[in-house]
Amino acid sequence: MHRRISRICRSFSGFIFLGVIFLFMHSCGDSGDQVIDEATGNRALKQYEMTKDKIKTIEEKQQERYKDILPGAAREERPDE
């Protein structure tokens, strides 16, 4: 009986070991890509493109707001003159 339990424990520990190896290899693959992106400058380029797009959308929203605000402000100034 002791040998039977020992076999079960070994096979169970083998499955755990294989799972840990699989997770380790999967996580190393992601960090390896990040290291390559950092070394080649691709990460900085991606961040630059994202920031550029965000600034463009903010600029477009601001222009729309100013278009709405400026004609109203011009109307308010005319009667006072």
PDB file of N, CA and C in Angstrom:
ATOM      1  N   MET A   1       0.808  -1.182   0.000  1.00  0.00           N
ATOM      2  CA  MET A   1       0.000   0.000   0.000  1.00  0.00           C
ATOM      3  C   MET A   1       0.860   1.258   0.000  1.00  0.00           C
ATOM      4  N   HIS A   2       1.932   1.213   0.739  1.00  0.00           N
ATOM      5  CA  HIS A   2       2.834   2.365   0.790  1.00  0.00           C
ATOM      6  C   HIS A   2       3.401   2.666  -0.599  1.00  0.00           C
ATOM      7  N   ARG A   3       3.736   1.610  -1.357  1.00  0.00           N
ATOM      8  CA  ARG A   3       4.271   1.807  -2.712  1.00  0.00           C
ATOM      9  C   ARG A   3       3.219   2.412  -3.635  1.00  0.00           C
ATOM     10  N   ARG A   4       1.981   2.011  -3.441  1.00  0.00           N
ATOM     11  CA  ARG A   4       0.896   2.536  -4.275  1.00  0.00           C
ATOM     12  C   ARG A   4       0.719   4.038  -4.038  1.00  0.00           C
ATOM     13  N   ILE A   5       0.730   4.446  -2.792  1.00  0.00           N
ATOM     14  CA  ILE A   5       0.626   5.867  -2.455  1.00  0.00           C
ATOM     15  C   ILE A   5       1.833   6.622  -2.992  1.00  0.00           C
ATOM     16  N   SER A   6       2.986   6.012  -2.905  1.00  0.00           N
ATOM     17  CA  SER A   6       4.202   6.634  -3.403  1.00  0.00           C
ATOM     18  C   SER A   6       4.115   6.874  -4.910  1.00  0.00           C
ATOM     19  N   ARG A   7       3.580   5.881  -5.649  1.00  0.00           N
ATOM     20  CA  ARG A   7       3.413   6.028  -7.097  1.00  0.00           C
ATOM     21  C   ARG A   7       2.443   7.151  -7.430  1.00  0.00           C
ATOM     22  N   ILE A   8       1.355   7.233  -6.693  1.00  0.00           N
ATOM     23  CA  ILE A   8       0.360   8.291  -6.922  1.00  0.00           C
ATOM     24  C   ILE A   8       0.991   9.659  -6.664  1.00  0.00           C
ATOM     25  N   CYS A   9       1.739   9.770  -5.588  1.00  0.00           N
ATOM     26  CA  CYS A   9       2.394  11.042  -5.262  1.00  0.00           C
ATOM     27  C   CYS A   9       3.394  11.431  -6.344  1.00  0.00           C
ATOM     28  N   ARG A  10       4.162  10.466  -6.832  1.00  0.00           N
ATOM     29  CA  ARG A  10       5.137  10.767  -7.889  1.00  0.00           C
ATOM     30  C   ARG A  10       4.458  11.224  -9.168  1.00  0.00           C
ATOM     31  N   SER A  11       3.386  10.530  -9.559  1.00  0.00           N
ATOM     32  CA  SER A  11       2.705  10.924 -10.796  1.00  0.00           C
ATOM     33  C   SER A  11       2.021  12.283 -10.623  1.00  0.00           C
ATOM     34  N   PHE A  12       1.451  12.526  -9.456  1.00  0.00           N
ATOM     35  CA  PHE A  12       0.838  13.819  -9.198  1.00  0.00           C
ATOM     36  C   PHE A  12       1.874  14.930  -9.202  1.00  0.00           C
ATOM     37  N   SER A  13       3.022  14.691  -8.594  1.00  0.00           N
ATOM     38  CA  SER A  13       4.082  15.692  -8.576  1.00  0.00           C
ATOM     39  C   SER A  13       4.640  15.904  -9.987  1.00  0.00           C
ATOM     40  N   GLY A  14       4.611  14.862 -10.814  1.00  0.00           N
ATOM     41  CA  GLY A  14       5.039  15.009 -12.207  1.00  0.00           C
ATOM     42  C   GLY A  14       4.120  15.955 -12.970  1.00  0.00           C
ATOM     43  N   PHE A  15       2.803  15.827 -12.744  1.00  0.00           N
ATOM     44  CA  PHE A  15       1.855  16.732 -13.393  1.00  0.00           C
ATOM     45  C   PHE A  15       2.062  18.172 -12.920  1.00  0.00           C
ATOM     46  N   ILE A  16       2.302  18.339 -11.651  1.00  0.00           N
ATOM     47  CA  ILE A  16       2.557  19.681 -11.108  1.00  0.00           C
ATOM     48  C   ILE A  16       3.835  20.246 -11.719  1.00  0.00           C
ATOM     49  N   PHE A  17       4.864  19.434 -11.799  1.00  0.00           N
ATOM     50  CA  PHE A  17       6.136  19.871 -12.375  1.00  0.00           C
ATOM     51  C   PHE A  17       5.956  20.290 -13.831  1.00  0.00           C
ATOM     52  N   LEU A  18       5.235  19.497 -14.621  1.00  0.00           N
ATOM     53  CA  LEU A  18       4.987  19.853 -16.020  1.00  0.00           C
ATOM     54  C   LEU A  18       4.168  21.142 -16.126  1.00  0.00           C
ATOM     55  N   GLY A  19       3.218  21.322 -15.241  1.00  0.00           N
ATOM     56  CA  GLY A  19       2.427  22.559 -15.240  1.00  0.00           C
ATOM     57  C   GLY A  19       3.272  23.775 -14.936  1.00  0.00           C
ATOM     58  N   VAL A  20       4.160  23.627 -13.957  1.00  0.00           N
ATOM     59  CA  VAL A  20       5.053  24.740 -13.611  1.00  0.00           C
ATOM     60  C   VAL A  20       5.979  25.066 -14.780  1.00  0.00           C
ATOM     61  N   ILE A  21       6.509  24.063 -15.431  1.00  0.00           N
ATOM     62  CA  ILE A  21       7.384  24.292 -16.589  1.00  0.00           C
ATOM     63  C   ILE A  21       6.618  24.989 -17.708  1.00  0.00           C
ATOM     64  N   PHE A  22       5.386  24.549 -17.953  1.00  0.00           N
ATOM     65  CA  PHE A  22       4.575  25.170 -19.000  1.00  0.00           C
ATOM     66  C   PHE A  22       4.318  26.646 -18.681  1.00  0.00           C
ATOM     67  N   LEU A  23       3.935  26.941 -17.447  1.00  0.00           N
ATOM     68  CA  LEU A  23       3.694  28.335 -17.059  1.00  0.00           C
ATOM     69  C   LEU A  23       4.964  29.170 -17.156  1.00  0.00           C
ATOM     70  N   PHE A  24       6.085  28.595 -16.757  1.00  0.00           N
ATOM     71  CA  PHE A  24       7.353  29.312 -16.819  1.00  0.00           C
ATOM     72  C   PHE A  24       7.721  29.640 -18.256  1.00  0.00           C
ATOM     73  N   MET A  25       7.556  28.679 -19.147  1.00  0.00           N
ATOM     74  CA  MET A  25       7.890  28.910 -20.550  1.00  0.00           C
ATOM     75  C   MET A  25       6.950  29.939 -21.165  1.00  0.00           C
ATOM     76  N   HIS A  26       5.691  29.893 -20.795  1.00  0.00           N
ATOM     77  CA  HIS A  26       4.723  30.855 -21.327  1.00  0.00           C
ATOM     78  C   HIS A  26       5.049  32.272 -20.855  1.00  0.00           C
ATOM     79  N   SER A  27       5.394  32.422 -19.584  1.00  0.00           N
ATOM     80  CA  SER A  27       5.688  33.757 -19.063  1.00  0.00           C
ATOM     81  C   SER A  27       7.013  34.282 -19.606  1.00  0.00           C
ATOM     82  N   CYS A  28       7.958  33.425 -19.850  1.00  0.00           N
ATOM     83  CA  CYS A  28       9.236  33.866 -20.408  1.00  0.00           C
ATOM     84  C   CYS A  28       9.076  34.349 -21.843  1.00  0.00           C
ATOM     85  N   GLY A  29       8.170  33.757 -22.572  1.00  0.00           N
ATOM     86  CA  GLY A  29       7.938  34.175 -23.943  1.00  0.00           C
ATOM     87  C   GLY A  29       7.448  35.606 -24.015  1.00  0.00           C
ATOM     88  N   ASP A  30       6.558  35.997 -23.119  1.00  0.00           N
ATOM     89  CA  ASP A  30       6.040  37.361 -23.110  1.00  0.00           C
ATOM     90  C   ASP A  30       7.123  38.351 -22.718  1.00  0.00           C
ATOM     91  N   SER A  31       7.878  38.039 -21.690  1.00  0.00           N
ATOM     92  CA  SER A  31       8.905  38.975 -21.251  1.00  0.00           C
ATOM     93  C   SER A  31      10.035  39.054 -22.272  1.00  0.00           C
ATOM     94  N   GLY A  32      10.288  37.976 -22.984  1.00  0.00           N
ATOM     95  CA  GLY A  32      11.306  38.007 -24.032  1.00  0.00           C
ATOM     96  C   GLY A  32      10.915  38.955 -25.141  1.00  0.00           C
ATOM     97  N   ASP A  33       9.644  38.948 -25.517  1.00  0.00           N
ATOM     98  CA  ASP A  33       9.164  39.894 -26.525  1.00  0.00           C
ATOM     99  C   ASP A  33       9.287  41.326 -26.019  1.00  0.00           C
ATOM    100  N   GLN A  34       8.995  41.533 -24.758  1.00  0.00           N
ATOM    101  CA  GLN A  34       9.101  42.876 -24.189  1.00  0.00           C
ATOM    102  C   GLN A  34      10.551  43.348 -24.190  1.00  0.00           C
ATOM    103  N   VAL A  35      11.477  42.465 -23.879  1.00  0.00           N
ATOM    104  CA  VAL A  35      12.896  42.832 -23.867  1.00  0.00           C
ATOM    105  C   VAL A  35      13.354  43.192 -25.278  1.00  0.00           C
ATOM    106  N   ILE A  36      12.936  42.416 -26.259  1.00  0.00           N
ATOM    107  CA  ILE A  36      13.314  42.706 -27.644  1.00  0.00           C
ATOM    108  C   ILE A  36      12.718  44.035 -28.088  1.00  0.00           C
ATOM    109  N   ASP A  37      11.436  44.294 -27.746  1.00  0.00           N
ATOM    110  CA  ASP A  37      10.809  45.562 -28.095  1.00  0.00           C
ATOM    111  C   ASP A  37      11.538  46.732 -27.443  1.00  0.00           C
ATOM    112  N   GLU A  38      11.942  46.554 -26.211  1.00  0.00           N
ATOM    113  CA  GLU A  38      12.654  47.626 -25.503  1.00  0.00           C
ATOM    114  C   GLU A  38      14.016  47.878 -26.138  1.00  0.00           C
ATOM    115  N   ALA A  39      14.720  46.822 -26.501  1.00  0.00           N
ATOM    116  CA  ALA A  39      16.065  46.969 -27.067  1.00  0.00           C
ATOM    117  C   ALA A  39      16.031  47.582 -28.463  1.00  0.00           C
ATOM    118  N   THR A  40      15.025  47.246 -29.253  1.00  0.00           N
ATOM    119  CA  THR A  40      14.964  47.756 -30.625  1.00  0.00           C
ATOM    120  C   THR A  40      14.267  49.103 -30.716  1.00  0.00           C
ATOM    121  N   GLY A  41      13.624  49.541 -29.640  1.00  0.00           N
ATOM    122  CA  GLY A  41      12.935  50.833 -29.657  1.00  0.00           C
ATOM    123  C   GLY A  41      11.500  50.732 -30.113  1.00  0.00           C
ATOM    124  N   ASN A  42      11.012  49.520 -30.363  1.00  0.00           N
ATOM    125  CA  ASN A  42       9.631  49.356 -30.807  1.00  0.00           C
ATOM    126  C   ASN A  42       8.632  49.770 -29.735  1.00  0.00           C
ATOM    127  N   ARG A  43       8.971  49.562 -28.480  1.00  0.00           N
ATOM    128  CA  ARG A  43       8.066  49.925 -27.389  1.00  0.00           C
ATOM    129  C   ARG A  43       7.886  51.439 -27.346  1.00  0.00           C
ATOM    130  N   ALA A  44       8.968  52.155 -27.486  1.00  0.00           N
ATOM    131  CA  ALA A  44       8.885  53.609 -27.481  1.00  0.00           C
ATOM    132  C   ALA A  44       8.087  54.104 -28.687  1.00  0.00           C
ATOM    133  N   LEU A  45       8.267  53.466 -29.823  1.00  0.00           N
ATOM    134  CA  LEU A  45       7.524  53.844 -31.021  1.00  0.00           C
ATOM    135  C   LEU A  45       6.032  53.590 -30.841  1.00  0.00           C
ATOM    136  N   LYS A  46       5.684  52.463 -30.236  1.00  0.00           N
ATOM    137  CA  LYS A  46       4.277  52.160 -29.985  1.00  0.00           C
ATOM    138  C   LYS A  46       3.665  53.179 -29.036  1.00  0.00           C
ATOM    139  N   GLN A  47       4.396  53.542 -27.984  1.00  0.00           N
ATOM    140  CA  GLN A  47       3.902  54.545 -27.038  1.00  0.00           C
ATOM    141  C   GLN A  47       3.750  55.900 -27.719  1.00  0.00           C
ATOM    142  N   TYR A  48       4.682  56.251 -28.585  1.00  0.00           N
ATOM    143  CA  TYR A  48       4.624  57.513 -29.314  1.00  0.00           C
ATOM    144  C   TYR A  48       3.390  57.557 -30.211  1.00  0.00           C
ATOM    145  N   GLU A  49       3.130  56.469 -30.927  1.00  0.00           N
ATOM    146  CA  GLU A  49       1.968  56.415 -31.816  1.00  0.00           C
ATOM    147  C   GLU A  49       0.667  56.527 -31.024  1.00  0.00           C
ATOM    148  N   MET A  50       0.590  55.834 -29.884  1.00  0.00           N
ATOM    149  CA  MET A  50      -0.614  55.902 -29.063  1.00  0.00           C
ATOM    150  C   MET A  50      -0.824  57.317 -28.532  1.00  0.00           C
ATOM    151  N   THR A  51       0.233  57.949 -28.060  1.00  0.00           N
ATOM    152  CA  THR A  51       0.139  59.301 -27.532  1.00  0.00           C
ATOM    153  C   THR A  51      -0.237  60.277 -28.629  1.00  0.00           C
ATOM    154  N   LYS A  52       0.336  60.107 -29.795  1.00  0.00           N
ATOM    155  CA  LYS A  52       0.036  60.973 -30.927  1.00  0.00           C
ATOM    156  C   LYS A  52      -1.445  60.880 -31.300  1.00  0.00           C
ATOM    157  N   ASP A  53      -1.988  59.670 -31.319  1.00  0.00           N
ATOM    158  CA  ASP A  53      -3.406  59.480 -31.625  1.00  0.00           C
ATOM    159  C   ASP A  53      -4.294  60.121 -30.557  1.00  0.00           C
ATOM    160  N   LYS A  54      -3.908  59.962 -29.284  1.00  0.00           N
ATOM    161  CA  LYS A  54      -4.690  60.560 -28.202  1.00  0.00           C
ATOM    162  C   LYS A  54      -4.685  62.076 -28.306  1.00  0.00           C
ATOM    163  N   ILE A  55      -3.530  62.652 -28.603  1.00  0.00           N
ATOM    164  CA  ILE A  55      -3.427  64.107 -28.729  1.00  0.00           C
ATOM    165  C   ILE A  55      -4.260  64.596 -29.901  1.00  0.00           C
ATOM    166  N   LYS A  56      -4.259  63.839 -30.978  1.00  0.00           N
ATOM    167  CA  LYS A  56      -5.049  64.222 -32.152  1.00  0.00           C
ATOM    168  C   LYS A  56      -6.541  64.249 -31.825  1.00  0.00           C
ATOM    169  N   THR A  57      -7.013  63.245 -31.097  1.00  0.00           N
ATOM    170  CA  THR A  57      -8.437  63.232 -30.745  1.00  0.00           C
ATOM    171  C   THR A  57      -8.774  64.360 -29.783  1.00  0.00           C
ATOM    172  N   ILE A  58      -7.893  64.663 -28.843  1.00  0.00           N
ATOM    173  CA  ILE A  58      -8.126  65.767 -27.917  1.00  0.00           C
ATOM    174  C   ILE A  58      -8.151  67.082 -28.677  1.00  0.00           C
ATOM    175  N   GLU A  59      -7.242  67.239 -29.615  1.00  0.00           N
ATOM    176  CA  GLU A  59      -7.194  68.467 -30.417  1.00  0.00           C
ATOM    177  C   GLU A  59      -8.480  68.638 -31.227  1.00  0.00           C
ATOM    178  N   GLU A  60      -8.987  67.571 -31.819  1.00  0.00           N
ATOM    179  CA  GLU A  60     -10.227  67.647 -32.590  1.00  0.00           C
ATOM    180  C   GLU A  60     -11.406  68.021 -31.703  1.00  0.00           C
ATOM    181  N   LYS A  61     -11.466  67.449 -30.491  1.00  0.00           N
ATOM    182  CA  LYS A  61     -12.545  67.788 -29.560  1.00  0.00           C
ATOM    183  C   LYS A  61     -12.468  69.251 -29.146  1.00  0.00           C
ATOM    184  N   GLN A  62     -11.261  69.741 -28.897  1.00  0.00           N
ATOM    185  CA  GLN A  62     -11.090  71.139 -28.499  1.00  0.00           C
ATOM    186  C   GLN A  62     -11.501  72.075 -29.627  1.00  0.00           C
ATOM    187  N   GLN A  63     -11.155  71.743 -30.865  1.00  0.00           N
ATOM    188  CA  GLN A  63     -11.545  72.570 -31.997  1.00  0.00           C
ATOM    189  C   GLN A  63     -13.059  72.622 -32.138  1.00  0.00           C
ATOM    190  N   GLU A  64     -13.737  71.494 -31.924  1.00  0.00           N
ATOM    191  CA  GLU A  64     -15.200  71.489 -31.982  1.00  0.00           C
ATOM    192  C   GLU A  64     -15.784  72.369 -30.887  1.00  0.00           C
ATOM    193  N   ARG A  65     -15.213  72.316 -29.695  1.00  0.00           N
ATOM    194  CA  ARG A  65     -15.709  73.146 -28.588  1.00  0.00           C
ATOM    195  C   ARG A  65     -15.500  74.626 -28.884  1.00  0.00           C
ATOM    196  N   TYR A  66     -14.334  74.975 -29.417  1.00  0.00           N
ATOM    197  CA  TYR A  66     -14.063  76.377 -29.718  1.00  0.00           C
ATOM    198  C   TYR A  66     -14.966  76.894 -30.826  1.00  0.00           C
ATOM    199  N   LYS A  67     -15.316  76.043 -31.785  1.00  0.00           N
ATOM    200  CA  LYS A  67     -16.236  76.456 -32.838  1.00  0.00           C
ATOM    201  C   LYS A  67     -17.597  76.806 -32.251  1.00  0.00           C
ATOM    202  N   ASP A  68     -18.022  76.021 -31.260  1.00  0.00           N
ATOM    203  CA  ASP A  68     -19.309  76.286 -30.613  1.00  0.00           C
ATOM    204  C   ASP A  68     -19.242  77.511 -29.703  1.00  0.00           C
ATOM    205  N   ILE A  69     -18.132  77.712 -29.025  1.00  0.00           N
ATOM    206  CA  ILE A  69     -18.007  78.799 -28.053  1.00  0.00           C
ATOM    207  C   ILE A  69     -17.769  80.140 -28.736  1.00  0.00           C
ATOM    208  N   LEU A  70     -16.891  80.210 -29.712  1.00  0.00           N
ATOM    209  CA  LEU A  70     -16.511  81.486 -30.317  1.00  0.00           C
ATOM    210  C   LEU A  70     -17.664  82.228 -30.987  1.00  0.00           C
ATOM    211  N   PRO A  71     -18.519  81.604 -31.753  1.00  0.00           N
ATOM    212  CA  PRO A  71     -19.630  82.382 -32.321  1.00  0.00           C
ATOM    213  C   PRO A  71     -20.547  82.955 -31.237  1.00  0.00           C
ATOM    214  N   GLY A  72     -20.758  82.230 -30.163  1.00  0.00           N
ATOM    215  CA  GLY A  72     -21.568  82.744 -29.054  1.00  0.00           C
ATOM    216  C   GLY A  72     -20.898  83.916 -28.373  1.00  0.00           C
ATOM    217  N   ALA A  73     -19.604  83.853 -28.214  1.00  0.00           N
ATOM    218  CA  ALA A  73     -18.861  84.943 -27.581  1.00  0.00           C
ATOM    219  C   ALA A  73     -18.877  86.170 -28.479  1.00  0.00           C
ATOM    220  N   ALA A  74     -18.784  85.982 -29.780  1.00  0.00           N
ATOM    221  CA  ALA A  74     -18.813  87.114 -30.709  1.00  0.00           C
ATOM    222  C   ALA A  74     -20.186  87.775 -30.679  1.00  0.00           C
ATOM    223  N   ARG A  75     -21.254  87.015 -30.550  1.00  0.00           N
ATOM    224  CA  ARG A  75     -22.592  87.574 -30.473  1.00  0.00           C
ATOM    225  C   ARG A  75     -22.768  88.413 -29.206  1.00  0.00           C
ATOM    226  N   GLU A  76     -22.184  87.956 -28.112  1.00  0.00           N
ATOM    227  CA  GLU A  76     -22.319  88.708 -26.861  1.00  0.00           C
ATOM    228  C   GLU A  76     -21.555  90.017 -26.914  1.00  0.00           C
ATOM    229  N   GLU A  77     -20.453  90.079 -27.612  1.00  0.00           N
ATOM    230  CA  GLU A  77     -19.658  91.302 -27.681  1.00  0.00           C
ATOM    231  C   GLU A  77     -20.278  92.345 -28.596  1.00  0.00           C
ATOM    232  N   ARG A  78     -20.952  91.961 -29.629  1.00  0.00           N
ATOM    233  CA  ARG A  78     -21.515  92.902 -30.598  1.00  0.00           C
ATOM    234  C   ARG A  78     -22.556  93.852 -29.985  1.00  0.00           C
ATOM    235  N   PRO A  79     -23.523  93.379 -29.223  1.00  0.00           N
ATOM    236  CA  PRO A  79     -24.508  94.332 -28.712  1.00  0.00           C
ATOM    237  C   PRO A  79     -23.906  95.386 -27.765  1.00  0.00           C
ATOM    238  N   ASP A  80     -22.840  95.061 -27.082  1.00  0.00           N
ATOM    239  CA  ASP A  80     -22.231  96.010 -26.155  1.00  0.00           C
ATOM    240  C   ASP A  80     -21.498  97.132 -26.862  1.00  0.00           C
ATOM    241  N   GLU A  81     -21.096  96.927 -28.081  1.00  0.00           N
ATOM    242  CA  GLU A  81     -20.273  97.926 -28.773  1.00  0.00           C
ATOM    243  C   GLU A  81     -21.032  99.101 -29.215  1.00  0.00           C
TER     244      GLU A  81
END
